[in-house]
ModelCIF file with pLDDT and N, C-alpha, C, O atoms, coordinates in Angstrom:
data_MODEL
#
_entry.id   MODEL 
#
_entity.id                         1 
_entity.type                       polymer 
_entity.pdbx_number_of_molecules   1 
#
_entity_poly.entity_id                      1 
_entity_poly.type                           'polypeptide(L)' 
_entity_poly.nstd_linkage                   no 
_entity_poly.nstd_monomer                   no 
_entity_poly.pdbx_seq_one_letter_code       AYNRMIAAIQQLNPIDRELIALLTTERFSYREIAKLLDISETNVKVK 
_entity_poly.pdbx_seq_one_letter_code_can   AYNRMIAAIQQLNPIDRELIALLTTERFSYREIAKLLDISETNVKVK 
_entity_poly.pdbx_strand_id                 A 
#
loop_
_entity_poly_seq.entity_id 
_entity_poly_seq.num 
_entity_poly_seq.mon_id 
_entity_poly_seq.hetero 
1 1  ALA n 
1 2  TYR n 
1 3  ASN n 
1 4  ARG n 
1 5  MET n 
1 6  ILE n 
1 7  ALA n 
1 8  ALA n 
1 9  ILE n 
1 10 GLN n 
1 11 GLN n 
1 12 LEU n 
1 13 ASN n 
1 14 PRO n 
1 15 ILE n 
1 16 ASP n 
1 17 ARG n 
1 18 GLU n 
1 19 LEU n 
1 20 ILE n 
1 21 ALA n 
1 22 LEU n 
1 23 LEU n 
1 24 THR n 
1 25 THR n 
1 26 GLU n 
1 27 ARG n 
1 28 PHE n 
1 29 SER n 
1 30 TYR n 
1 31 ARG n 
1 32 GLU n 
1 33 ILE n 
1 34 ALA n 
1 35 LYS n 
1 36 LEU n 
1 37 LEU n 
1 38 ASP n 
1 39 ILE n 
1 40 SER n 
1 41 GLU n 
1 42 THR n 
1 43 ASN n 
1 44 VAL n 
1 45 LYS n 
1 46 VAL n 
1 47 LYS n 
#
_struct_asym.id          A 
_struct_asym.entity_id   1 
#
loop_
_ma_qa_metric.id 
_ma_qa_metric.mode 
_ma_qa_metric.name 
_ma_qa_metric.software_group_id 
_ma_qa_metric.type 
1 global pLDDT . pLDDT 
2 local  pLDDT . pLDDT 
#
_ma_qa_metric_global.metric_id      1 
_ma_qa_metric_global.metric_value   85.72 
_ma_qa_metric_global.model_id       1 
_ma_qa_metric_global.ordinal_id     1 
#
loop_
_ma_qa_metric_local.label_asym_id 
_ma_qa_metric_local.label_comp_id 
_ma_qa_metric_local.label_seq_id 
_ma_qa_metric_local.metric_id 
_ma_qa_metric_local.metric_value 
_ma_qa_metric_local.model_id 
_ma_qa_metric_local.ordinal_id 
A ALA 1  2 83.00 1 1  
A TYR 2  2 83.00 1 2  
A ASN 3  2 84.00 1 3  
A ARG 4  2 85.00 1 4  
A MET 5  2 84.00 1 5  
A ILE 6  2 84.00 1 6  
A ALA 7  2 86.00 1 7  
A ALA 8  2 87.00 1 8  
A ILE 9  2 86.00 1 9  
A GLN 10 2 86.00 1 10 
A GLN 11 2 89.00 1 11 
A LEU 12 2 88.00 1 12 
A ASN 13 2 88.00 1 13 
A PRO 14 2 86.00 1 14 
A ILE 15 2 86.00 1 15 
A ASP 16 2 88.00 1 16 
A ARG 17 2 86.00 1 17 
A GLU 18 2 85.00 1 18 
A LEU 19 2 86.00 1 19 
A ILE 20 2 85.00 1 20 
A ALA 21 2 83.00 1 21 
A LEU 22 2 83.00 1 22 
A LEU 23 2 83.00 1 23 
A THR 24 2 80.00 1 24 
A THR 25 2 73.00 1 25 
A GLU 26 2 68.00 1 26 
A ARG 27 2 74.00 1 27 
A PHE 28 2 80.00 1 28 
A SER 29 2 84.00 1 29 
A TYR 30 2 87.00 1 30 
A ARG 31 2 88.00 1 31 
A GLU 32 2 86.00 1 32 
A ILE 33 2 86.00 1 33 
A ALA 34 2 88.00 1 34 
A LYS 35 2 87.00 1 35 
A LEU 36 2 84.00 1 36 
A LEU 37 2 85.00 1 37 
A ASP 38 2 87.00 1 38 
A ILE 39 2 89.00 1 39 
A SER 40 2 92.00 1 40 
A GLU 41 2 91.00 1 41 
A THR 42 2 94.00 1 42 
A ASN 43 2 93.00 1 43 
A VAL 44 2 91.00 1 44 
A LYS 45 2 92.00 1 45 
A VAL 46 2 94.00 1 46 
A LYS 47 2 92.00 1 47 
#
loop_
_atom_site.group_PDB 
_atom_site.id 
_atom_site.type_symbol 
_atom_site.label_atom_id 
_atom_site.label_alt_id 
_atom_site.label_comp_id 
_atom_site.label_asym_id 
_atom_site.label_entity_id 
_atom_site.label_seq_id 
_atom_site.pdbx_PDB_ins_code 
_atom_site.Cartn_x 
_atom_site.Cartn_y 
_atom_site.Cartn_z 
_atom_site.occupancy 
_atom_site.B_iso_or_equiv 
_atom_site.pdbx_formal_charge 
_atom_site.auth_seq_id 
_atom_site.auth_comp_id 
_atom_site.auth_asym_id 
_atom_site.auth_atom_id 
_atom_site.pdbx_PDB_model_num 
ATOM 1   N N  . ALA A 1 1  ? 0.838  -1.205 0.000   1.00 83.00 ? 1  ALA A N  1 
ATOM 2   C CA . ALA A 1 1  ? 0.000  0.000  0.000   1.00 83.00 ? 1  ALA A CA 1 
ATOM 3   C C  . ALA A 1 1  ? 0.870  1.251  0.000   1.00 83.00 ? 1  ALA A C  1 
ATOM 4   O O  . ALA A 1 1  ? 0.579  2.215  -0.708  1.00 83.00 ? 1  ALA A O  1 
ATOM 5   N N  . TYR A 1 2  ? 1.927  1.232  0.788   1.00 83.00 ? 2  TYR A N  1 
ATOM 6   C CA . TYR A 1 2  ? 2.837  2.378  0.846   1.00 83.00 ? 2  TYR A CA 1 
ATOM 7   C C  . TYR A 1 2  ? 3.514  2.599  -0.505  1.00 83.00 ? 2  TYR A C  1 
ATOM 8   O O  . TYR A 1 2  ? 3.572  3.725  -1.000  1.00 83.00 ? 2  TYR A O  1 
ATOM 9   N N  . ASN A 1 3  ? 4.027  1.518  -1.099  1.00 84.00 ? 3  ASN A N  1 
ATOM 10  C CA . ASN A 1 3  ? 4.690  1.636  -2.404  1.00 84.00 ? 3  ASN A CA 1 
ATOM 11  C C  . ASN A 1 3  ? 3.718  2.100  -3.478  1.00 84.00 ? 3  ASN A C  1 
ATOM 12  O O  . ASN A 1 3  ? 4.086  2.865  -4.370  1.00 84.00 ? 3  ASN A O  1 
ATOM 13  N N  . ARG A 1 4  ? 2.476  1.637  -3.390  1.00 85.00 ? 4  ARG A N  1 
ATOM 14  C CA . ARG A 1 4  ? 1.452  2.070  -4.351  1.00 85.00 ? 4  ARG A CA 1 
ATOM 15  C C  . ARG A 1 4  ? 1.189  3.574  -4.213  1.00 85.00 ? 4  ARG A C  1 
ATOM 16  O O  . ARG A 1 4  ? 1.065  4.284  -5.210  1.00 85.00 ? 4  ARG A O  1 
ATOM 17  N N  . MET A 1 5  ? 1.108  4.046  -2.969  1.00 84.00 ? 5  MET A N  1 
ATOM 18  C CA . MET A 1 5  ? 0.876  5.479  -2.740  1.00 84.00 ? 5  MET A CA 1 
ATOM 19  C C  . MET A 1 5  ? 2.063  6.308  -3.230  1.00 84.00 ? 5  MET A C  1 
ATOM 20  O O  . MET A 1 5  ? 1.869  7.337  -3.877  1.00 84.00 ? 5  MET A O  1 
ATOM 21  N N  . ILE A 1 6  ? 3.272  5.879  -2.933  1.00 84.00 ? 6  ILE A N  1 
ATOM 22  C CA . ILE A 1 6  ? 4.462  6.607  -3.395  1.00 84.00 ? 6  ILE A CA 1 
ATOM 23  C C  . ILE A 1 6  ? 4.505  6.629  -4.921  1.00 84.00 ? 6  ILE A C  1 
ATOM 24  O O  . ILE A 1 6  ? 4.811  7.662  -5.517  1.00 84.00 ? 6  ILE A O  1 
ATOM 25  N N  . ALA A 1 7  ? 4.201  5.497  -5.555  1.00 86.00 ? 7  ALA A N  1 
ATOM 26  C CA . ALA A 1 7  ? 4.189  5.441  -7.019  1.00 86.00 ? 7  ALA A CA 1 
ATOM 27  C C  . ALA A 1 7  ? 3.124  6.375  -7.586  1.00 86.00 ? 7  ALA A C  1 
ATOM 28  O O  . ALA A 1 7  ? 3.352  7.034  -8.600  1.00 86.00 ? 7  ALA A O  1 
ATOM 29  N N  . ALA A 1 8  ? 1.966  6.435  -6.936  1.00 87.00 ? 8  ALA A N  1 
ATOM 30  C CA . ALA A 1 8  ? 0.899  7.331  -7.395  1.00 87.00 ? 8  ALA A CA 1 
ATOM 31  C C  . ALA A 1 8  ? 1.314  8.788  -7.237  1.00 87.00 ? 8  ALA A C  1 
ATOM 32  O O  . ALA A 1 8  ? 1.063  9.605  -8.122  1.00 87.00 ? 8  ALA A O  1 
ATOM 33  N N  . ILE A 1 9  ? 1.940  9.113  -6.124  1.00 86.00 ? 9  ILE A N  1 
ATOM 34  C CA . ILE A 1 9  ? 2.406  10.486 -5.904  1.00 86.00 ? 9  ILE A CA 1 
ATOM 35  C C  . ILE A 1 9  ? 3.444  10.868 -6.961  1.00 86.00 ? 9  ILE A C  1 
ATOM 36  O O  . ILE A 1 9  ? 3.471  12.008 -7.423  1.00 86.00 ? 9  ILE A O  1 
ATOM 37  N N  . GLN A 1 10 ? 4.292  9.920  -7.340  1.00 86.00 ? 10 GLN A N  1 
ATOM 38  C CA . GLN A 1 10 ? 5.319  10.192 -8.348  1.00 86.00 ? 10 GLN A CA 1 
ATOM 39  C C  . GLN A 1 10 ? 4.716  10.478 -9.724  1.00 86.00 ? 10 GLN A C  1 
ATOM 40  O O  . GLN A 1 10 ? 5.368  11.092 -10.568 1.00 86.00 ? 10 GLN A O  1 
ATOM 41  N N  . GLN A 1 11 ? 3.474  10.037 -9.954  1.00 89.00 ? 11 GLN A N  1 
ATOM 42  C CA . GLN A 1 11 ? 2.814  10.297 -11.231 1.00 89.00 ? 11 GLN A CA 1 
ATOM 43  C C  . GLN A 1 11 ? 2.226  11.707 -11.311 1.00 89.00 ? 11 GLN A C  1 
ATOM 44  O O  . GLN A 1 11 ? 1.876  12.174 -12.394 1.00 89.00 ? 11 GLN A O  1 
ATOM 45  N N  . LEU A 1 12 ? 2.121  12.375 -10.178 1.00 88.00 ? 12 LEU A N  1 
ATOM 46  C CA . LEU A 1 12 ? 1.637  13.754 -10.180 1.00 88.00 ? 12 LEU A CA 1 
ATOM 47  C C  . LEU A 1 12 ? 2.700  14.665 -10.774 1.00 88.00 ? 12 LEU A C  1 
ATOM 48  O O  . LEU A 1 12 ? 3.883  14.326 -10.798 1.00 88.00 ? 12 LEU A O  1 
ATOM 49  N N  . ASN A 1 13 ? 2.262  15.829 -11.255 1.00 88.00 ? 13 ASN A N  1 
ATOM 50  C CA . ASN A 1 13 ? 3.258  16.779 -11.751 1.00 88.00 ? 13 ASN A CA 1 
ATOM 51  C C  . ASN A 1 13 ? 4.039  17.328 -10.551 1.00 88.00 ? 13 ASN A C  1 
ATOM 52  O O  . ASN A 1 13 ? 3.567  17.243 -9.417  1.00 88.00 ? 13 ASN A O  1 
ATOM 53  N N  . PRO A 1 14 ? 5.215  17.884 -10.789 1.00 86.00 ? 14 PRO A N  1 
ATOM 54  C CA . PRO A 1 14 ? 6.084  18.300 -9.671  1.00 86.00 ? 14 PRO A CA 1 
ATOM 55  C C  . PRO A 1 14 ? 5.435  19.265 -8.681  1.00 86.00 ? 14 PRO A C  1 
ATOM 56  O O  . PRO A 1 14 ? 5.681  19.158 -7.479  1.00 86.00 ? 14 PRO A O  1 
ATOM 57  N N  . ILE A 1 15 ? 4.626  20.189 -9.146  1.00 86.00 ? 15 ILE A N  1 
ATOM 58  C CA . ILE A 1 15 ? 3.998  21.149 -8.235  1.00 86.00 ? 15 ILE A CA 1 
ATOM 59  C C  . ILE A 1 15 ? 2.981  20.454 -7.342  1.00 86.00 ? 15 ILE A C  1 
ATOM 60  O O  . ILE A 1 15 ? 2.939  20.701 -6.137  1.00 86.00 ? 15 ILE A O  1 
ATOM 61  N N  . ASP A 1 16 ? 2.156  19.579 -7.931  1.00 88.00 ? 16 ASP A N  1 
ATOM 62  C CA . ASP A 1 16 ? 1.179  18.835 -7.136  1.00 88.00 ? 16 ASP A CA 1 
ATOM 63  C C  . ASP A 1 16 ? 1.877  17.932 -6.130  1.00 88.00 ? 16 ASP A C  1 
ATOM 64  O O  . ASP A 1 16 ? 1.448  17.825 -4.981  1.00 88.00 ? 16 ASP A O  1 
ATOM 65  N N  . ARG A 1 17 ? 2.949  17.284 -6.562  1.00 86.00 ? 17 ARG A N  1 
ATOM 66  C CA . ARG A 1 17 ? 3.707  16.399 -5.685  1.00 86.00 ? 17 ARG A CA 1 
ATOM 67  C C  . ARG A 1 17 ? 4.263  17.187 -4.498  1.00 86.00 ? 17 ARG A C  1 
ATOM 68  O O  . ARG A 1 17 ? 4.220  16.724 -3.358  1.00 86.00 ? 17 ARG A O  1 
ATOM 69  N N  . GLU A 1 18 ? 4.773  18.357 -4.772  1.00 85.00 ? 18 GLU A N  1 
ATOM 70  C CA . GLU A 1 18 ? 5.333  19.180 -3.702  1.00 85.00 ? 18 GLU A CA 1 
ATOM 71  C C  . GLU A 1 18 ? 4.256  19.663 -2.739  1.00 85.00 ? 18 GLU A C  1 
ATOM 72  O O  . GLU A 1 18 ? 4.466  19.672 -1.526  1.00 85.00 ? 18 GLU A O  1 
ATOM 73  N N  . LEU A 1 19 ? 3.110  20.062 -3.269  1.00 86.00 ? 19 LEU A N  1 
ATOM 74  C CA . LEU A 1 19 ? 2.018  20.503 -2.408  1.00 86.00 ? 19 LEU A CA 1 
ATOM 75  C C  . LEU A 1 19 ? 1.550  19.377 -1.489  1.00 86.00 ? 19 LEU A C  1 
ATOM 76  O O  . LEU A 1 19 ? 1.355  19.586 -0.291  1.00 86.00 ? 19 LEU A O  1 
ATOM 77  N N  . ILE A 1 20 ? 1.375  18.198 -2.048  1.00 85.00 ? 20 ILE A N  1 
ATOM 78  C CA . ILE A 1 20 ? 0.959  17.050 -1.237  1.00 85.00 ? 20 ILE A CA 1 
ATOM 79  C C  . ILE A 1 20 ? 2.014  16.756 -0.173  1.00 85.00 ? 20 ILE A C  1 
ATOM 80  O O  . ILE A 1 20 ? 1.675  16.479 0.978   1.00 85.00 ? 20 ILE A O  1 
ATOM 81  N N  . ALA A 1 21 ? 3.266  16.815 -0.546  1.00 83.00 ? 21 ALA A N  1 
ATOM 82  C CA . ALA A 1 21 ? 4.347  16.542 0.404   1.00 83.00 ? 21 ALA A CA 1 
ATOM 83  C C  . ALA A 1 21 ? 4.371  17.570 1.534   1.00 83.00 ? 21 ALA A C  1 
ATOM 84  O O  . ALA A 1 21 ? 4.512  17.208 2.702   1.00 83.00 ? 21 ALA A O  1 
ATOM 85  N N  . LEU A 1 22 ? 4.235  18.841 1.191   1.00 83.00 ? 22 LEU A N  1 
ATOM 86  C CA . LEU A 1 22 ? 4.240  19.883 2.218   1.00 83.00 ? 22 LEU A CA 1 
ATOM 87  C C  . LEU A 1 22 ? 3.040  19.763 3.143   1.00 83.00 ? 22 LEU A C  1 
ATOM 88  O O  . LEU A 1 22 ? 3.166  19.917 4.358   1.00 83.00 ? 22 LEU A O  1 
ATOM 89  N N  . LEU A 1 23 ? 1.888  19.492 2.574   1.00 83.00 ? 23 LEU A N  1 
ATOM 90  C CA . LEU A 1 23 ? 0.676  19.422 3.366   1.00 83.00 ? 23 LEU A CA 1 
ATOM 91  C C  . LEU A 1 23 ? 0.664  18.215 4.292   1.00 83.00 ? 23 LEU A C  1 
ATOM 92  O O  . LEU A 1 23 ? 0.179  18.304 5.420   1.00 83.00 ? 23 LEU A O  1 
ATOM 93  N N  . THR A 1 24 ? 1.190  17.100 3.831   1.00 80.00 ? 24 THR A N  1 
ATOM 94  C CA . THR A 1 24 ? 1.154  15.893 4.649   1.00 80.00 ? 24 THR A CA 1 
ATOM 95  C C  . THR A 1 24 ? 2.216  15.876 5.746   1.00 80.00 ? 24 THR A C  1 
ATOM 96  O O  . THR A 1 24 ? 2.190  14.999 6.609   1.00 80.00 ? 24 THR A O  1 
ATOM 97  N N  . THR A 1 25 ? 3.138  16.816 5.728   1.00 73.00 ? 25 THR A N  1 
ATOM 98  C CA . THR A 1 25 ? 4.087  16.895 6.839   1.00 73.00 ? 25 THR A CA 1 
ATOM 99  C C  . THR A 1 25 ? 3.399  17.376 8.103   1.00 73.00 ? 25 THR A C  1 
ATOM 100 O O  . THR A 1 25 ? 3.921  17.195 9.203   1.00 73.00 ? 25 THR A O  1 
ATOM 101 N N  . GLU A 1 26 ? 2.233  17.985 7.955   1.00 68.00 ? 26 GLU A N  1 
ATOM 102 C CA . GLU A 1 26 ? 1.443  18.521 9.062   1.00 68.00 ? 26 GLU A CA 1 
ATOM 103 C C  . GLU A 1 26 ? 2.204  19.580 9.851   1.00 68.00 ? 26 GLU A C  1 
ATOM 104 O O  . GLU A 1 26 ? 1.882  19.867 11.004  1.00 68.00 ? 26 GLU A O  1 
ATOM 105 N N  . ARG A 1 27 ? 3.184  20.134 9.230   1.00 74.00 ? 27 ARG A N  1 
ATOM 106 C CA . ARG A 1 27 ? 3.960  21.182 9.892   1.00 74.00 ? 27 ARG A CA 1 
ATOM 107 C C  . ARG A 1 27 ? 3.538  22.562 9.397   1.00 74.00 ? 27 ARG A C  1 
ATOM 108 O O  . ARG A 1 27 ? 3.627  23.550 10.125  1.00 74.00 ? 27 ARG A O  1 
ATOM 109 N N  . PHE A 1 28 ? 3.085  22.612 8.166   1.00 80.00 ? 28 PHE A N  1 
ATOM 110 C CA . PHE A 1 28 ? 2.782  23.899 7.550   1.00 80.00 ? 28 PHE A CA 1 
ATOM 111 C C  . PHE A 1 28 ? 1.287  24.083 7.320   1.00 80.00 ? 28 PHE A C  1 
ATOM 112 O O  . PHE A 1 28 ? 0.573  23.150 6.953   1.00 80.00 ? 28 PHE A O  1 
ATOM 113 N N  . SER A 1 29 ? 0.839  25.308 7.545   1.00 84.00 ? 29 SER A N  1 
ATOM 114 C CA . SER A 1 29 ? -0.535 25.665 7.223   1.00 84.00 ? 29 SER A CA 1 
ATOM 115 C C  . SER A 1 29 ? -0.582 26.063 5.744   1.00 84.00 ? 29 SER A C  1 
ATOM 116 O O  . SER A 1 29 ? 0.453  26.200 5.091   1.00 84.00 ? 29 SER A O  1 
ATOM 117 N N  . TYR A 1 30 ? -1.788 26.244 5.237   1.00 87.00 ? 30 TYR A N  1 
ATOM 118 C CA . TYR A 1 30 ? -1.934 26.697 3.852   1.00 87.00 ? 30 TYR A CA 1 
ATOM 119 C C  . TYR A 1 30 ? -1.232 28.043 3.650   1.00 87.00 ? 30 TYR A C  1 
ATOM 120 O O  . TYR A 1 30 ? -0.618 28.280 2.610   1.00 87.00 ? 30 TYR A O  1 
ATOM 121 N N  . ARG A 1 31 ? -1.324 28.902 4.633   1.00 88.00 ? 31 ARG A N  1 
ATOM 122 C CA . ARG A 1 31 ? -0.690 30.226 4.540   1.00 88.00 ? 31 ARG A CA 1 
ATOM 123 C C  . ARG A 1 31 ? 0.834  30.091 4.445   1.00 88.00 ? 31 ARG A C  1 
ATOM 124 O O  . ARG A 1 31 ? 1.477  30.774 3.648   1.00 88.00 ? 31 ARG A O  1 
ATOM 125 N N  . GLU A 1 32 ? 1.399  29.208 5.264   1.00 86.00 ? 32 GLU A N  1 
ATOM 126 C CA . GLU A 1 32 ? 2.851  29.016 5.246   1.00 86.00 ? 32 GLU A CA 1 
ATOM 127 C C  . GLU A 1 32 ? 3.311  28.372 3.935   1.00 86.00 ? 32 GLU A C  1 
ATOM 128 O O  . GLU A 1 32 ? 4.367  28.716 3.404   1.00 86.00 ? 32 GLU A O  1 
ATOM 129 N N  . ILE A 1 33 ? 2.521  27.447 3.425   1.00 86.00 ? 33 ILE A N  1 
ATOM 130 C CA . ILE A 1 33 ? 2.846  26.829 2.131   1.00 86.00 ? 33 ILE A CA 1 
ATOM 131 C C  . ILE A 1 33 ? 2.808  27.883 1.036   1.00 86.00 ? 33 ILE A C  1 
ATOM 132 O O  . ILE A 1 33 ? 3.662  27.894 0.149   1.00 86.00 ? 33 ILE A O  1 
ATOM 133 N N  . ALA A 1 34 ? 1.822  28.767 1.097   1.00 88.00 ? 34 ALA A N  1 
ATOM 134 C CA . ALA A 1 34 ? 1.714  29.841 0.106   1.00 88.00 ? 34 ALA A CA 1 
ATOM 135 C C  . ALA A 1 34 ? 2.960  30.724 0.134   1.00 88.00 ? 34 ALA A C  1 
ATOM 136 O O  . ALA A 1 34 ? 3.463  31.121 -0.917  1.00 88.00 ? 34 ALA A O  1 
ATOM 137 N N  . LYS A 1 35 ? 3.456  31.032 1.321   1.00 87.00 ? 35 LYS A N  1 
ATOM 138 C CA . LYS A 1 35 ? 4.672  31.844 1.430   1.00 87.00 ? 35 LYS A CA 1 
ATOM 139 C C  . LYS A 1 35 ? 5.889  31.100 0.885   1.00 87.00 ? 35 LYS A C  1 
ATOM 140 O O  . LYS A 1 35 ? 6.726  31.684 0.196   1.00 87.00 ? 35 LYS A O  1 
ATOM 141 N N  . LEU A 1 36 ? 5.982  29.800 1.201   1.00 84.00 ? 36 LEU A N  1 
ATOM 142 C CA . LEU A 1 36 ? 7.109  29.012 0.718   1.00 84.00 ? 36 LEU A CA 1 
ATOM 143 C C  . LEU A 1 36 ? 7.153  28.954 -0.799  1.00 84.00 ? 36 LEU A C  1 
ATOM 144 O O  . LEU A 1 36 ? 8.222  29.048 -1.401  1.00 84.00 ? 36 LEU A O  1 
ATOM 145 N N  . LEU A 1 37 ? 5.976  28.797 -1.421  1.00 85.00 ? 37 LEU A N  1 
ATOM 146 C CA . LEU A 1 37 ? 5.907  28.632 -2.872  1.00 85.00 ? 37 LEU A CA 1 
ATOM 147 C C  . LEU A 1 37 ? 5.650  29.942 -3.611  1.00 85.00 ? 37 LEU A C  1 
ATOM 148 O O  . LEU A 1 37 ? 5.610  29.971 -4.841  1.00 85.00 ? 37 LEU A O  1 
ATOM 149 N N  . ASP A 1 38 ? 5.476  31.018 -2.857  1.00 87.00 ? 38 ASP A N  1 
ATOM 150 C CA . ASP A 1 38 ? 5.255  32.339 -3.430  1.00 87.00 ? 38 ASP A CA 1 
ATOM 151 C C  . ASP A 1 38 ? 4.005  32.376 -4.321  1.00 87.00 ? 38 ASP A C  1 
ATOM 152 O O  . ASP A 1 38 ? 4.035  32.879 -5.443  1.00 87.00 ? 38 ASP A O  1 
ATOM 153 N N  . ILE A 1 39 ? 2.905  31.824 -3.783  1.00 89.00 ? 39 ILE A N  1 
ATOM 154 C CA . ILE A 1 39 ? 1.603  31.909 -4.444  1.00 89.00 ? 39 ILE A CA 1 
ATOM 155 C C  . ILE A 1 39 ? 0.577  32.253 -3.374  1.00 89.00 ? 39 ILE A C  1 
ATOM 156 O O  . ILE A 1 39 ? 0.891  32.208 -2.184  1.00 89.00 ? 39 ILE A O  1 
ATOM 157 N N  . SER A 1 40 ? -0.638 32.594 -3.773  1.00 92.00 ? 40 SER A N  1 
ATOM 158 C CA . SER A 1 40 ? -1.648 32.989 -2.797  1.00 92.00 ? 40 SER A CA 1 
ATOM 159 C C  . SER A 1 40 ? -2.171 31.779 -2.029  1.00 92.00 ? 40 SER A C  1 
ATOM 160 O O  . SER A 1 40 ? -2.099 30.644 -2.500  1.00 92.00 ? 40 SER A O  1 
ATOM 161 N N  . GLU A 1 41 ? -2.695 32.045 -0.847  1.00 91.00 ? 41 GLU A N  1 
ATOM 162 C CA . GLU A 1 41 ? -3.247 30.975 -0.014  1.00 91.00 ? 41 GLU A CA 1 
ATOM 163 C C  . GLU A 1 41 ? -4.434 30.306 -0.708  1.00 91.00 ? 41 GLU A C  1 
ATOM 164 O O  . GLU A 1 41 ? -4.585 29.086 -0.645  1.00 91.00 ? 41 GLU A O  1 
ATOM 165 N N  . THR A 1 42 ? -5.266 31.094 -1.362  1.00 94.00 ? 42 THR A N  1 
ATOM 166 C CA . THR A 1 42 ? -6.406 30.546 -2.098  1.00 94.00 ? 42 THR A CA 1 
ATOM 167 C C  . THR A 1 42 ? -5.930 29.637 -3.215  1.00 94.00 ? 42 THR A C  1 
ATOM 168 O O  . THR A 1 42 ? -6.506 28.575 -3.451  1.00 94.00 ? 42 THR A O  1 
ATOM 169 N N  . ASN A 1 43 ? -4.883 30.056 -3.899  1.00 93.00 ? 43 ASN A N  1 
ATOM 170 C CA . ASN A 1 43 ? -4.322 29.239 -4.975  1.00 93.00 ? 43 ASN A CA 1 
ATOM 171 C C  . ASN A 1 43 ? -3.796 27.914 -4.437  1.00 93.00 ? 43 ASN A C  1 
ATOM 172 O O  . ASN A 1 43 ? -3.938 26.880 -5.090  1.00 93.00 ? 43 ASN A O  1 
ATOM 173 N N  . VAL A 1 44 ? -3.196 27.937 -3.267  1.00 91.00 ? 44 VAL A N  1 
ATOM 174 C CA . VAL A 1 44 ? -2.707 26.709 -2.633  1.00 91.00 ? 44 VAL A CA 1 
ATOM 175 C C  . VAL A 1 44 ? -3.875 25.764 -2.377  1.00 91.00 ? 44 VAL A C  1 
ATOM 176 O O  . VAL A 1 44 ? -3.792 24.573 -2.674  1.00 91.00 ? 44 VAL A O  1 
ATOM 177 N N  . LYS A 1 45 ? -4.962 26.297 -1.826  1.00 92.00 ? 45 LYS A N  1 
ATOM 178 C CA . LYS A 1 45 ? -6.128 25.459 -1.523  1.00 92.00 ? 45 LYS A CA 1 
ATOM 179 C C  . LYS A 1 45 ? -6.705 24.827 -2.784  1.00 92.00 ? 45 LYS A C  1 
ATOM 180 O O  . LYS A 1 45 ? -7.044 23.643 -2.793  1.00 92.00 ? 45 LYS A O  1 
ATOM 181 N N  . VAL A 1 46 ? -6.813 25.615 -3.843  1.00 94.00 ? 46 VAL A N  1 
ATOM 182 C CA . VAL A 1 46 ? -7.347 25.105 -5.109  1.00 94.00 ? 46 VAL A CA 1 
ATOM 183 C C  . VAL A 1 46 ? -6.421 24.029 -5.676  1.00 94.00 ? 46 VAL A C  1 
ATOM 184 O O  . VAL A 1 46 ? -6.877 22.965 -6.096  1.00 94.00 ? 46 VAL A O  1 
ATOM 185 N N  . LYS A 1 47 ? -5.125 24.313 -5.684  1.00 92.00 ? 47 LYS A N  1 
ATOM 186 C CA . LYS A 1 47 ? -4.157 23.357 -6.232  1.00 92.00 ? 47 LYS A CA 1 
ATOM 187 C C  . LYS A 1 47 ? -4.118 22.058 -5.420  1.00 92.00 ? 47 LYS A C  1 
ATOM 188 O O  . LYS A 1 47 ? -3.356 21.149 -5.748  1.00 92.00 ? 47 LYS A O  1 
#
């Protein structure tokens, strides 16, 4: 199951993969992710 999830994540485009990775660390809020990636918080939520 873990390998299947990692393989599925690898099929995402790099931006989506990074967003999923940042969000699942549970360390960053949407606002903090937006600052890290230099995009709006709303854009982060949509993406």
